[in-house]
Amino acid sequence: MRLIAELERRVAQEQSLFRAQLLREDIGRLRRLEELAHAAPDLAAFKQTASRIGWTQGDARTHELGSALDRFLEAVHAGHTGIPDDAQELRIRETWLELHRTRMERLVGCLSTPVPKPVE
């Protein structure tokens, strides 16, 4: 996945210790996703496991990532079920940017508001 290489280049150049740590954590998540994509028997199994790898602290707010996380996981899974190509790598990158933006909004939001209880 080219996204991992891109984030590794960014962490090597990052001057902020905080941002560098966030990048390293994301790289770890992406590597875990690659392992899960290879091991999962189908998309549903992959998404079930991959949606709970610490996208938010203790996954307490992961449910708030909703469709952004779904689209990213679908792109990653598709990238491992076929022959990787530029279009698929672009889809992974675009859905990652959407997910990352959504996660950062939640991160900032959680610093100022209490964690809502998930609807059961």
PDB file of N, CA and C in Angstrom:
ATOM      1  N   MET A   1       0.850  -1.166   0.000  1.00  0.00           N
ATOM      2  CA  MET A   1       0.000   0.000   0.000  1.00  0.00           C
ATOM      3  C   MET A   1       0.905   1.242   0.000  1.00  0.00           C
ATOM      4  N   ARG A   2       0.768   2.036  -1.025  1.00  0.00           N
ATOM      5  CA  ARG A   2       1.614   3.231  -1.163  1.00  0.00           C
ATOM      6  C   ARG A   2       1.402   4.230  -0.038  1.00  0.00           C
ATOM      7  N   LEU A   3       0.224   4.205   0.548  1.00  0.00           N
ATOM      8  CA  LEU A   3      -0.080   5.137   1.633  1.00  0.00           C
ATOM      9  C   LEU A   3       0.890   4.964   2.794  1.00  0.00           C
ATOM     10  N   ILE A   4       1.273   3.744   3.090  1.00  0.00           N
ATOM     11  CA  ILE A   4       2.219   3.507   4.182  1.00  0.00           C
ATOM     12  C   ILE A   4       3.549   4.177   3.871  1.00  0.00           C
ATOM     13  N   ALA A   5       4.038   3.999   2.661  1.00  0.00           N
ATOM     14  CA  ALA A   5       5.306   4.623   2.272  1.00  0.00           C
ATOM     15  C   ALA A   5       5.212   6.146   2.351  1.00  0.00           C
ATOM     16  N   GLU A   6       4.075   6.682   1.937  1.00  0.00           N
ATOM     17  CA  GLU A   6       3.882   8.134   1.999  1.00  0.00           C
ATOM     18  C   GLU A   6       3.930   8.633   3.448  1.00  0.00           C
ATOM     19  N   LEU A   7       3.252   7.929   4.341  1.00  0.00           N
ATOM     20  CA  LEU A   7       3.261   8.343   5.757  1.00  0.00           C
ATOM     21  C   LEU A   7       4.637   8.159   6.380  1.00  0.00           C
ATOM     22  N   GLU A   8       5.369   7.131   5.972  1.00  0.00           N
ATOM     23  CA  GLU A   8       6.731   6.938   6.480  1.00  0.00           C
ATOM     24  C   GLU A   8       7.640   8.090   6.062  1.00  0.00           C
ATOM     25  N   ARG A   9       7.482   8.560   4.829  1.00  0.00           N
ATOM     26  CA  ARG A   9       8.268   9.722   4.377  1.00  0.00           C
ATOM     27  C   ARG A   9       7.901  10.957   5.201  1.00  0.00           C
ATOM     28  N   ARG A  10       6.606  11.117   5.459  1.00  0.00           N
ATOM     29  CA  ARG A  10       6.164  12.285   6.232  1.00  0.00           C
ATOM     30  C   ARG A  10       6.683  12.238   7.658  1.00  0.00           C
ATOM     31  N   VAL A  11       6.667  11.074   8.296  1.00  0.00           N
ATOM     32  CA  VAL A  11       7.133  10.992   9.685  1.00  0.00           C
ATOM     33  C   VAL A  11       8.632  11.286   9.760  1.00  0.00           C
ATOM     34  N   ALA A  12       9.379  10.904   8.741  1.00  0.00           N
ATOM     35  CA  ALA A  12      10.822  11.165   8.719  1.00  0.00           C
ATOM     36  C   ALA A  12      11.126  12.654   8.629  1.00  0.00           C
ATOM     37  N   GLN A  13      10.190  13.430   8.076  1.00  0.00           N
ATOM     38  CA  GLN A  13      10.396  14.865   7.905  1.00  0.00           C
ATOM     39  C   GLN A  13       9.669  15.705   8.952  1.00  0.00           C
ATOM     40  N   GLU A  14       8.818  15.072   9.722  1.00  0.00           N
ATOM     41  CA  GLU A  14       7.969  15.812  10.667  1.00  0.00           C
ATOM     42  C   GLU A  14       8.789  16.368  11.825  1.00  0.00           C
ATOM     43  N   GLN A  15       8.607  17.643  12.117  1.00  0.00           N
ATOM     44  CA  GLN A  15       9.326  18.277  13.211  1.00  0.00           C
ATOM     45  C   GLN A  15       8.537  18.249  14.518  1.00  0.00           C
ATOM     46  N   SER A  16       7.217  18.132  14.416  1.00  0.00           N
ATOM     47  CA  SER A  16       6.381  18.081  15.611  1.00  0.00           C
ATOM     48  C   SER A  16       6.378  16.658  16.175  1.00  0.00           C
ATOM     49  N   LEU A  17       6.780  16.510  17.427  1.00  0.00           N
ATOM     50  CA  LEU A  17       6.779  15.187  18.056  1.00  0.00           C
ATOM     51  C   LEU A  17       5.366  14.616  18.132  1.00  0.00           C
ATOM     52  N   PHE A  18       4.386  15.465  18.374  1.00  0.00           N
ATOM     53  CA  PHE A  18       2.996  15.031  18.464  1.00  0.00           C
ATOM     54  C   PHE A  18       2.513  14.472  17.124  1.00  0.00           C
ATOM     55  N   ARG A  19       2.719  15.245  16.039  1.00  0.00           N
ATOM     56  CA  ARG A  19       2.283  14.784  14.721  1.00  0.00           C
ATOM     57  C   ARG A  19       3.062  13.548  14.287  1.00  0.00           C
ATOM     58  N   ALA A  20       4.342  13.491  14.606  1.00  0.00           N
ATOM     59  CA  ALA A  20       5.145  12.312  14.262  1.00  0.00           C
ATOM     60  C   ALA A  20       4.604  11.077  14.965  1.00  0.00           C
ATOM     61  N   GLN A  21       4.210  11.220  16.228  1.00  0.00           N
ATOM     62  CA  GLN A  21       3.647  10.085  16.959  1.00  0.00           C
ATOM     63  C   GLN A  21       2.324   9.645  16.339  1.00  0.00           C
ATOM     64  N   LEU A  22       1.467  10.588  15.968  1.00  0.00           N
ATOM     65  CA  LEU A  22       0.204  10.233  15.317  1.00  0.00           C
ATOM     66  C   LEU A  22       0.450   9.504  13.996  1.00  0.00           C
ATOM     67  N   LEU A  23       1.435   9.952  13.243  1.00  0.00           N
ATOM     68  CA  LEU A  23       1.770   9.278  11.987  1.00  0.00           C
ATOM     69  C   LEU A  23       2.259   7.855  12.233  1.00  0.00           C
ATOM     70  N   ARG A  24       3.112   7.659  13.234  1.00  0.00           N
ATOM     71  CA  ARG A  24       3.603   6.316  13.557  1.00  0.00           C
ATOM     72  C   ARG A  24       2.447   5.397  13.962  1.00  0.00           C
ATOM     73  N   GLU A  25       1.508   5.924  14.733  1.00  0.00           N
ATOM     74  CA  GLU A  25       0.348   5.124  15.129  1.00  0.00           C
ATOM     75  C   GLU A  25      -0.487   4.755  13.904  1.00  0.00           C
ATOM     76  N   ASP A  26      -0.656   5.691  12.984  1.00  0.00           N
ATOM     77  CA  ASP A  26      -1.411   5.404  11.768  1.00  0.00           C
ATOM     78  C   ASP A  26      -0.701   4.362  10.905  1.00  0.00           C
ATOM     79  N   ILE A  27       0.603   4.454  10.814  1.00  0.00           N
ATOM     80  CA  ILE A  27       1.370   3.470  10.051  1.00  0.00           C
ATOM     81  C   ILE A  27       1.157   2.083  10.653  1.00  0.00           C
ATOM     82  N   GLY A  28       1.178   1.980  11.959  1.00  0.00           N
ATOM     83  CA  GLY A  28       0.916   0.701  12.625  1.00  0.00           C
ATOM     84  C   GLY A  28      -0.475   0.169  12.308  1.00  0.00           C
ATOM     85  N   ARG A  29      -1.472   1.048  12.325  1.00  0.00           N
ATOM     86  CA  ARG A  29      -2.839   0.630  11.985  1.00  0.00           C
ATOM     87  C   ARG A  29      -2.912   0.133  10.536  1.00  0.00           C
ATOM     88  N   LEU A  30      -2.260   0.852   9.633  1.00  0.00           N
ATOM     89  CA  LEU A  30      -2.298   0.467   8.223  1.00  0.00           C
ATOM     90  C   LEU A  30      -1.599  -0.871   7.992  1.00  0.00           C
ATOM     91  N   ARG A  31      -0.526  -1.112   8.676  1.00  0.00           N
ATOM     92  CA  ARG A  31       0.150  -2.419   8.560  1.00  0.00           C
ATOM     93  C   ARG A  31      -0.745  -3.530   9.084  1.00  0.00           C
ATOM     94  N   ARG A  32      -1.430  -3.250  10.183  1.00  0.00           N
ATOM     95  CA  ARG A  32      -2.375  -4.222  10.741  1.00  0.00           C
ATOM     96  C   ARG A  32      -3.509  -4.484   9.743  1.00  0.00           C
ATOM     97  N   LEU A  33      -3.987  -3.428   9.086  1.00  0.00           N
ATOM     98  CA  LEU A  33      -5.033  -3.602   8.077  1.00  0.00           C
ATOM     99  C   LEU A  33      -4.579  -4.509   6.940  1.00  0.00           C
ATOM    100  N   GLU A  34      -3.341  -4.345   6.513  1.00  0.00           N
ATOM    101  CA  GLU A  34      -2.822  -5.205   5.449  1.00  0.00           C
ATOM    102  C   GLU A  34      -2.846  -6.668   5.883  1.00  0.00           C
ATOM    103  N   GLU A  35      -2.429  -6.933   7.114  1.00  0.00           N
ATOM    104  CA  GLU A  35      -2.462  -8.306   7.634  1.00  0.00           C
ATOM    105  C   GLU A  35      -3.889  -8.837   7.663  1.00  0.00           C
ATOM    106  N   LEU A  36      -4.799  -8.016   8.160  1.00  0.00           N
ATOM    107  CA  LEU A  36      -6.195  -8.436   8.251  1.00  0.00           C
ATOM    108  C   LEU A  36      -6.805  -8.677   6.871  1.00  0.00           C
ATOM    109  N   ALA A  37      -6.465  -7.830   5.901  1.00  0.00           N
ATOM    110  CA  ALA A  37      -7.008  -7.976   4.551  1.00  0.00           C
ATOM    111  C   ALA A  37      -6.563  -9.291   3.924  1.00  0.00           C
ATOM    112  N   HIS A  38      -5.339  -9.709   4.200  1.00  0.00           N
ATOM    113  CA  HIS A  38      -4.837 -10.975   3.659  1.00  0.00           C
ATOM    114  C   HIS A  38      -5.494 -12.171   4.344  1.00  0.00           C
ATOM    115  N   ALA A  39      -5.828 -12.023   5.619  1.00  0.00           N
ATOM    116  CA  ALA A  39      -6.357 -13.136   6.398  1.00  0.00           C
ATOM    117  C   ALA A  39      -7.878 -13.259   6.359  1.00  0.00           C
ATOM    118  N   ALA A  40      -8.581 -12.180   6.078  1.00  0.00           N
ATOM    119  CA  ALA A  40     -10.043 -12.184   6.149  1.00  0.00           C
ATOM    120  C   ALA A  40     -10.648 -12.990   4.996  1.00  0.00           C
ATOM    121  N   PRO A  41     -11.645 -13.804   5.308  1.00  0.00           N
ATOM    122  CA  PRO A  41     -12.279 -14.595   4.252  1.00  0.00           C
ATOM    123  C   PRO A  41     -13.151 -13.773   3.300  1.00  0.00           C
ATOM    124  N   ASP A  42     -13.646 -12.633   3.772  1.00  0.00           N
ATOM    125  CA  ASP A  42     -14.491 -11.791   2.922  1.00  0.00           C
ATOM    126  C   ASP A  42     -14.525 -10.371   3.480  1.00  0.00           C
ATOM    127  N   LEU A  43     -15.182  -9.474   2.749  1.00  0.00           N
ATOM    128  CA  LEU A  43     -15.242  -8.071   3.136  1.00  0.00           C
ATOM    129  C   LEU A  43     -15.921  -7.885   4.486  1.00  0.00           C
ATOM    130  N   ALA A  44     -17.011  -8.579   4.725  1.00  0.00           N
ATOM    131  CA  ALA A  44     -17.737  -8.411   5.991  1.00  0.00           C
ATOM    132  C   ALA A  44     -16.860  -8.779   7.187  1.00  0.00           C
ATOM    133  N   ALA A  45     -16.149  -9.884   7.090  1.00  0.00           N
ATOM    134  CA  ALA A  45     -15.260 -10.301   8.187  1.00  0.00           C
ATOM    135  C   ALA A  45     -14.135  -9.300   8.374  1.00  0.00           C
ATOM    136  N   PHE A  46     -13.583  -8.832   7.256  1.00  0.00           N
ATOM    137  CA  PHE A  46     -12.513  -7.832   7.326  1.00  0.00           C
ATOM    138  C   PHE A  46     -12.998  -6.567   8.024  1.00  0.00           C
ATOM    139  N   LYS A  47     -14.148  -6.052   7.593  1.00  0.00           N
ATOM    140  CA  LYS A  47     -14.656  -4.806   8.171  1.00  0.00           C
ATOM    141  C   LYS A  47     -14.974  -4.965   9.652  1.00  0.00           C
ATOM    142  N   GLN A  48     -15.498  -6.104  10.040  1.00  0.00           N
ATOM    143  CA  GLN A  48     -15.832  -6.320  11.443  1.00  0.00           C
ATOM    144  C   GLN A  48     -14.580  -6.237  12.313  1.00  0.00           C
ATOM    145  N   THR A  49     -13.518  -6.888  11.889  1.00  0.00           N
ATOM    146  CA  THR A  49     -12.270  -6.873  12.658  1.00  0.00           C
ATOM    147  C   THR A  49     -11.536  -5.550  12.506  1.00  0.00           C
ATOM    148  N   ALA A  50     -11.449  -5.048  11.278  1.00  0.00           N
ATOM    149  CA  ALA A  50     -10.659  -3.855  10.981  1.00  0.00           C
ATOM    150  C   ALA A  50     -11.257  -2.584  11.567  1.00  0.00           C
ATOM    151  N   SER A  51     -12.531  -2.609  11.870  1.00  0.00           N
ATOM    152  CA  SER A  51     -13.146  -1.403  12.424  1.00  0.00           C
ATOM    153  C   SER A  51     -12.852  -1.238  13.915  1.00  0.00           C
ATOM    154  N   ARG A  52     -12.188  -2.197  14.521  1.00  0.00           N
ATOM    155  CA  ARG A  52     -11.897  -2.132  15.953  1.00  0.00           C
ATOM    156  C   ARG A  52     -10.405  -2.316  16.240  1.00  0.00           C
ATOM    157  N   ILE A  53      -9.588  -1.523  15.552  1.00  0.00           N
ATOM    158  CA  ILE A  53      -8.141  -1.624  15.788  1.00  0.00           C
ATOM    159  C   ILE A  53      -7.580  -0.349  16.405  1.00  0.00           C
ATOM    160  N   GLY A  54      -8.452   0.404  17.072  1.00  0.00           N
ATOM    161  CA  GLY A  54      -7.985   1.607  17.752  1.00  0.00           C
ATOM    162  C   GLY A  54      -8.038   2.862  16.921  1.00  0.00           C
ATOM    163  N   TRP A  55      -9.068   3.008  16.103  1.00  0.00           N
ATOM    164  CA  TRP A  55      -9.202   4.218  15.297  1.00  0.00           C
ATOM    165  C   TRP A  55      -9.401   5.448  16.169  1.00  0.00           C
ATOM    166  N   THR A  56     -10.028   5.259  17.328  1.00  0.00           N
ATOM    167  CA  THR A  56     -10.138   6.303  18.340  1.00  0.00           C
ATOM    168  C   THR A  56      -9.666   5.685  19.649  1.00  0.00           C
ATOM    169  N   GLN A  57      -9.412   6.497  20.651  1.00  0.00           N
ATOM    170  CA  GLN A  57      -8.903   6.008  21.929  1.00  0.00           C
ATOM    171  C   GLN A  57      -9.837   4.932  22.478  1.00  0.00           C
ATOM    172  N   GLY A  58      -9.307   3.715  22.598  1.00  0.00           N
ATOM    173  CA  GLY A  58     -10.096   2.604  23.109  1.00  0.00           C
ATOM    174  C   GLY A  58     -11.300   2.281  22.237  1.00  0.00           C
ATOM    175  N   ASP A  59     -11.318   2.766  21.027  1.00  0.00           N
ATOM    176  CA  ASP A  59     -12.427   2.628  20.083  1.00  0.00           C
ATOM    177  C   ASP A  59     -13.740   3.161  20.639  1.00  0.00           C
ATOM    178  N   ALA A  60     -13.653   4.032  21.645  1.00  0.00           N
ATOM    179  CA  ALA A  60     -14.854   4.586  22.277  1.00  0.00           C
ATOM    180  C   ALA A  60     -15.679   5.442  21.321  1.00  0.00           C
ATOM    181  N   ARG A  61     -15.028   6.084  20.364  1.00  0.00           N
ATOM    182  CA  ARG A  61     -15.758   6.961  19.433  1.00  0.00           C
ATOM    183  C   ARG A  61     -15.657   6.494  17.986  1.00  0.00           C
ATOM    184  N   THR A  62     -15.172   5.294  17.777  1.00  0.00           N
ATOM    185  CA  THR A  62     -15.013   4.784  16.414  1.00  0.00           C
ATOM    186  C   THR A  62     -16.342   4.750  15.673  1.00  0.00           C
ATOM    187  N   HIS A  63     -17.412   4.474  16.377  1.00  0.00           N
ATOM    188  CA  HIS A  63     -18.730   4.441  15.722  1.00  0.00           C
ATOM    189  C   HIS A  63     -19.073   5.780  15.066  1.00  0.00           C
ATOM    190  N   GLU A  64     -18.456   6.861  15.530  1.00  0.00           N
ATOM    191  CA  GLU A  64     -18.715   8.182  14.957  1.00  0.00           C
ATOM    192  C   GLU A  64     -18.023   8.384  13.602  1.00  0.00           C
ATOM    193  N   LEU A  65     -17.118   7.498  13.247  1.00  0.00           N
ATOM    194  CA  LEU A  65     -16.402   7.631  11.974  1.00  0.00           C
ATOM    195  C   LEU A  65     -17.249   7.144  10.802  1.00  0.00           C
ATOM    196  N   GLY A  66     -18.237   6.333  11.094  1.00  0.00           N
ATOM    197  CA  GLY A  66     -19.262   5.901  10.156  1.00  0.00           C
ATOM    198  C   GLY A  66     -18.819   5.586   8.746  1.00  0.00           C
ATOM    199  N   SER A  67     -19.417   6.275   7.796  1.00  0.00           N
ATOM    200  CA  SER A  67     -19.214   5.964   6.385  1.00  0.00           C
ATOM    201  C   SER A  67     -17.787   6.256   5.920  1.00  0.00           C
ATOM    202  N   ALA A  68     -17.107   7.191   6.546  1.00  0.00           N
ATOM    203  CA  ALA A  68     -15.711   7.473   6.154  1.00  0.00           C
ATOM    204  C   ALA A  68     -14.842   6.245   6.418  1.00  0.00           C
ATOM    205  N   LEU A  69     -15.026   5.614   7.573  1.00  0.00           N
ATOM    206  CA  LEU A  69     -14.272   4.402   7.887  1.00  0.00           C
ATOM    207  C   LEU A  69     -14.698   3.262   6.971  1.00  0.00           C
ATOM    208  N   ASP A  70     -15.992   3.109   6.728  1.00  0.00           N
ATOM    209  CA  ASP A  70     -16.477   2.053   5.834  1.00  0.00           C
ATOM    210  C   ASP A  70     -15.857   2.168   4.452  1.00  0.00           C
ATOM    211  N   ARG A  71     -15.870   3.367   3.887  1.00  0.00           N
ATOM    212  CA  ARG A  71     -15.316   3.554   2.538  1.00  0.00           C
ATOM    213  C   ARG A  71     -13.817   3.250   2.502  1.00  0.00           C
ATOM    214  N   PHE A  72     -13.107   3.656   3.548  1.00  0.00           N
ATOM    215  CA  PHE A  72     -11.672   3.379   3.582  1.00  0.00           C
ATOM    216  C   PHE A  72     -11.414   1.871   3.671  1.00  0.00           C
ATOM    217  N   LEU A  73     -12.126   1.193   4.556  1.00  0.00           N
ATOM    218  CA  LEU A  73     -11.925  -0.252   4.703  1.00  0.00           C
ATOM    219  C   LEU A  73     -12.279  -0.990   3.414  1.00  0.00           C
ATOM    220  N   GLU A  74     -13.319  -0.564   2.736  1.00  0.00           N
ATOM    221  CA  GLU A  74     -13.683  -1.176   1.458  1.00  0.00           C
ATOM    222  C   GLU A  74     -12.575  -0.972   0.423  1.00  0.00           C
ATOM    223  N   ALA A  75     -11.988   0.209   0.407  1.00  0.00           N
ATOM    224  CA  ALA A  75     -10.900   0.488  -0.536  1.00  0.00           C
ATOM    225  C   ALA A  75      -9.674  -0.362  -0.232  1.00  0.00           C
ATOM    226  N   VAL A  76      -9.326  -0.477   1.040  1.00  0.00           N
ATOM    227  CA  VAL A  76      -8.164  -1.293   1.423  1.00  0.00           C
ATOM    228  C   VAL A  76      -8.413  -2.748   1.063  1.00  0.00           C
ATOM    229  N   HIS A  77      -9.587  -3.252   1.382  1.00  0.00           N
ATOM    230  CA  HIS A  77      -9.902  -4.647   1.074  1.00  0.00           C
ATOM    231  C   HIS A  77      -9.849  -4.893  -0.428  1.00  0.00           C
ATOM    232  N   ALA A  78     -10.427  -4.004  -1.206  1.00  0.00           N
ATOM    233  CA  ALA A  78     -10.407  -4.154  -2.664  1.00  0.00           C
ATOM    234  C   ALA A  78      -8.981  -4.128  -3.193  1.00  0.00           C
ATOM    235  N   GLY A  79      -8.129  -3.359  -2.560  1.00  0.00           N
ATOM    236  CA  GLY A  79      -6.736  -3.288  -2.981  1.00  0.00           C
ATOM    237  C   GLY A  79      -5.968  -4.570  -2.745  1.00  0.00           C
ATOM    238  N   HIS A  80      -6.491  -5.432  -1.871  1.00  0.00           N
ATOM    239  CA  HIS A  80      -5.816  -6.690  -1.574  1.00  0.00           C
ATOM    240  C   HIS A  80      -6.494  -7.887  -2.210  1.00  0.00           C
ATOM    241  N   THR A  81      -7.625  -7.674  -2.857  1.00  0.00           N
ATOM    242  CA  THR A  81      -8.305  -8.796  -3.494  1.00  0.00           C
ATOM    243  C   THR A  81      -8.059  -8.844  -4.989  1.00  0.00           C
ATOM    244  N   GLY A  82      -7.567  -7.774  -5.543  1.00  0.00           N
ATOM    245  CA  GLY A  82      -7.285  -7.731  -6.979  1.00  0.00           C
ATOM    246  C   GLY A  82      -5.839  -7.354  -7.218  1.00  0.00           C
ATOM    247  N   ILE A  83      -5.553  -7.037  -8.435  1.00  0.00           N
ATOM    248  CA  ILE A  83      -4.216  -6.588  -8.788  1.00  0.00           C
ATOM    249  C   ILE A  83      -4.142  -5.101  -8.470  1.00  0.00           C
ATOM    250  N   PRO A  84      -3.235  -4.703  -7.556  1.00  0.00           N
ATOM    251  CA  PRO A  84      -3.136  -3.287  -7.207  1.00  0.00           C
ATOM    252  C   PRO A  84      -2.789  -2.451  -8.443  1.00  0.00           C
ATOM    253  N   ASP A  85      -3.455  -1.328  -8.576  1.00  0.00           N
ATOM    254  CA  ASP A  85      -3.156  -0.424  -9.676  1.00  0.00           C
ATOM    255  C   ASP A  85      -3.237   1.012  -9.182  1.00  0.00           C
ATOM    256  N   ASP A  86      -2.881   1.934 -10.043  1.00  0.00           N
ATOM    257  CA  ASP A  86      -2.865   3.342  -9.661  1.00  0.00           C
ATOM    258  C   ASP A  86      -4.235   3.840  -9.219  1.00  0.00           C
ATOM    259  N   ALA A  87      -5.283   3.409  -9.914  1.00  0.00           N
ATOM    260  CA  ALA A  87      -6.629   3.862  -9.564  1.00  0.00           C
ATOM    261  C   ALA A  87      -7.019   3.380  -8.164  1.00  0.00           C
ATOM    262  N   GLN A  88      -6.668   2.145  -7.847  1.00  0.00           N
ATOM    263  CA  GLN A  88      -7.006   1.619  -6.523  1.00  0.00           C
ATOM    264  C   GLN A  88      -6.188   2.330  -5.440  1.00  0.00           C
ATOM    265  N   GLU A  89      -4.921   2.570  -5.696  1.00  0.00           N
ATOM    266  CA  GLU A  89      -4.090   3.295  -4.733  1.00  0.00           C
ATOM    267  C   GLU A  89      -4.625   4.710  -4.520  1.00  0.00           C
ATOM    268  N   LEU A  90      -5.106   5.339  -5.582  1.00  0.00           N
ATOM    269  CA  LEU A  90      -5.701   6.671  -5.459  1.00  0.00           C
ATOM    270  C   LEU A  90      -6.972   6.612  -4.609  1.00  0.00           C
ATOM    271  N   ARG A  91      -7.782   5.597  -4.819  1.00  0.00           N
ATOM    272  CA  ARG A  91      -9.005   5.436  -4.010  1.00  0.00           C
ATOM    273  C   ARG A  91      -8.645   5.248  -2.535  1.00  0.00           C
ATOM    274  N   ILE A  92      -7.637   4.451  -2.265  1.00  0.00           N
ATOM    275  CA  ILE A  92      -7.202   4.256  -0.877  1.00  0.00           C
ATOM    276  C   ILE A  92      -6.769   5.595  -0.284  1.00  0.00           C
ATOM    277  N   ARG A  93      -5.963   6.341  -1.022  1.00  0.00           N
ATOM    278  CA  ARG A  93      -5.468   7.625  -0.518  1.00  0.00           C
ATOM    279  C   ARG A  93      -6.608   8.617  -0.292  1.00  0.00           C
ATOM    280  N   GLU A  94      -7.533   8.699  -1.234  1.00  0.00           N
ATOM    281  CA  GLU A  94      -8.646   9.645  -1.101  1.00  0.00           C
ATOM    282  C   GLU A  94      -9.545   9.291   0.088  1.00  0.00           C
ATOM    283  N   THR A  95      -9.851   8.012   0.237  1.00  0.00           N
ATOM    284  CA  THR A  95     -10.705   7.617   1.366  1.00  0.00           C
ATOM    285  C   THR A  95      -9.952   7.760   2.683  1.00  0.00           C
ATOM    286  N   TRP A  96      -8.627   7.594   2.650  1.00  0.00           N
ATOM    287  CA  TRP A  96      -7.820   7.824   3.851  1.00  0.00           C
ATOM    288  C   TRP A  96      -7.903   9.287   4.271  1.00  0.00           C
ATOM    289  N   LEU A  97      -7.763  10.189   3.317  1.00  0.00           N
ATOM    290  CA  LEU A  97      -7.825  11.612   3.640  1.00  0.00           C
ATOM    291  C   LEU A  97      -9.165  11.976   4.266  1.00  0.00           C
ATOM    292  N   GLU A  98     -10.234  11.411   3.739  1.00  0.00           N
ATOM    293  CA  GLU A  98     -11.563  11.650   4.317  1.00  0.00           C
ATOM    294  C   GLU A  98     -11.636  11.091   5.746  1.00  0.00           C
ATOM    295  N   LEU A  99     -11.158   9.873   5.928  1.00  0.00           N
ATOM    296  CA  LEU A  99     -11.166   9.261   7.263  1.00  0.00           C
ATOM    297  C   LEU A  99     -10.292  10.055   8.226  1.00  0.00           C
ATOM    298  N   HIS A 100      -9.119  10.436   7.792  1.00  0.00           N
ATOM    299  CA  HIS A 100      -8.206  11.189   8.647  1.00  0.00           C
ATOM    300  C   HIS A 100      -8.831  12.514   9.075  1.00  0.00           C
ATOM    301  N   ARG A 101      -9.447  13.209   8.151  1.00  0.00           N
ATOM    302  CA  ARG A 101     -10.116  14.478   8.451  1.00  0.00           C
ATOM    303  C   ARG A 101     -11.232  14.264   9.477  1.00  0.00           C
ATOM    304  N   THR A 102     -12.016  13.222   9.287  1.00  0.00           N
ATOM    305  CA  THR A 102     -13.109  12.912  10.216  1.00  0.00           C
ATOM    306  C   THR A 102     -12.563  12.564  11.594  1.00  0.00           C
ATOM    307  N   ARG A 103     -11.509  11.764  11.636  1.00  0.00           N
ATOM    308  CA  ARG A 103     -10.900  11.384  12.931  1.00  0.00           C
ATOM    309  C   ARG A 103     -10.355  12.607  13.656  1.00  0.00           C
ATOM    310  N   MET A 104      -9.697  13.489  12.935  1.00  0.00           N
ATOM    311  CA  MET A 104      -9.132  14.678  13.585  1.00  0.00           C
ATOM    312  C   MET A 104     -10.243  15.582  14.113  1.00  0.00           C
ATOM    313  N   GLU A 105     -11.345  15.679  13.384  1.00  0.00           N
ATOM    314  CA  GLU A 105     -12.483  16.453  13.891  1.00  0.00           C
ATOM    315  C   GLU A 105     -12.996  15.845  15.192  1.00  0.00           C
ATOM    316  N   ARG A 106     -13.071  14.530  15.253  1.00  0.00           N
ATOM    317  CA  ARG A 106     -13.540  13.853  16.473  1.00  0.00           C
ATOM    318  C   ARG A 106     -12.529  14.017  17.601  1.00  0.00           C
ATOM    319  N   LEU A 107     -11.240  13.952  17.271  1.00  0.00           N
ATOM    320  CA  LEU A 107     -10.207  14.118  18.280  1.00  0.00           C
ATOM    321  C   LEU A 107     -10.296  15.498  18.909  1.00  0.00           C
ATOM    322  N   VAL A 108     -10.401  16.511  18.076  1.00  0.00           N
ATOM    323  CA  VAL A 108     -10.528  17.871  18.592  1.00  0.00           C
ATOM    324  C   VAL A 108     -11.827  18.010  19.372  1.00  0.00           C
ATOM    325  N   GLY A 109     -12.893  17.443  18.841  1.00  0.00           N
ATOM    326  CA  GLY A 109     -14.184  17.510  19.515  1.00  0.00           C
ATOM    327  C   GLY A 109     -14.187  16.821  20.864  1.00  0.00           C
ATOM    328  N   CYS A 110     -13.477  15.708  20.967  1.00  0.00           N
ATOM    329  CA  CYS A 110     -13.479  14.973  22.233  1.00  0.00           C
ATOM    330  C   CYS A 110     -12.699  15.710  23.314  1.00  0.00           C
ATOM    331  N   LEU A 111     -11.863  16.642  22.912  1.00  0.00           N
ATOM    332  CA  LEU A 111     -11.138  17.429  23.901  1.00  0.00           C
ATOM    333  C   LEU A 111     -12.034  18.478  24.553  1.00  0.00           C
ATOM    334  N   SER A 112     -13.175  18.742  23.886  1.00  0.00           N
ATOM    335  CA  SER A 112     -14.043  19.792  24.404  1.00  0.00           C
ATOM    336  C   SER A 112     -15.443  19.321  24.801  1.00  0.00           C
ATOM    337  N   THR A 113     -15.800  18.077  24.462  1.00  0.00           N
ATOM    338  CA  THR A 113     -17.123  17.579  24.801  1.00  0.00           C
ATOM    339  C   THR A 113     -17.032  16.173  25.387  1.00  0.00           C
ATOM    340  N   PRO A 114     -18.025  15.769  26.178  1.00  0.00           N
ATOM    341  CA  PRO A 114     -18.027  14.418  26.725  1.00  0.00           C
ATOM    342  C   PRO A 114     -18.311  13.383  25.627  1.00  0.00           C
ATOM    343  N   VAL A 115     -17.908  12.163  25.860  1.00  0.00           N
ATOM    344  CA  VAL A 115     -18.120  11.073  24.907  1.00  0.00           C
ATOM    345  C   VAL A 115     -19.593  10.677  24.936  1.00  0.00           C
ATOM    346  N   PRO A 116     -20.261  10.738  23.783  1.00  0.00           N
ATOM    347  CA  PRO A 116     -21.660  10.301  23.765  1.00  0.00           C
ATOM    348  C   PRO A 116     -21.742   8.783  23.861  1.00  0.00           C
ATOM    349  N   LYS A 117     -22.780   8.295  24.458  1.00  0.00           N
ATOM    350  CA  LYS A 117     -22.990   6.848  24.572  1.00  0.00           C
ATOM    351  C   LYS A 117     -23.504   6.327  23.249  1.00  0.00           C
ATOM    352  N   PRO A 118     -22.968   5.176  22.776  1.00  0.00           N
ATOM    353  CA  PRO A 118     -23.457   4.589  21.523  1.00  0.00           C
ATOM    354  C   PRO A 118     -24.895   4.123  21.678  1.00  0.00           C
ATOM    355  N   VAL A 119     -25.653   4.239  20.615  1.00  0.00           N
ATOM    356  CA  VAL A 119     -27.038   3.780  20.618  1.00  0.00           C
ATOM    357  C   VAL A 119     -27.019   2.266  20.431  1.00  0.00           C
ATOM    358  N   GLU A 120     -27.720   1.579  21.276  1.00  0.00           N
ATOM    359  CA  GLU A 120     -27.753   0.102  21.168  1.00  0.00           C
ATOM    360  C   GLU A 120     -29.093  -0.374  20.727  1.00  0.00           C
TER     361      GLU A 120
END
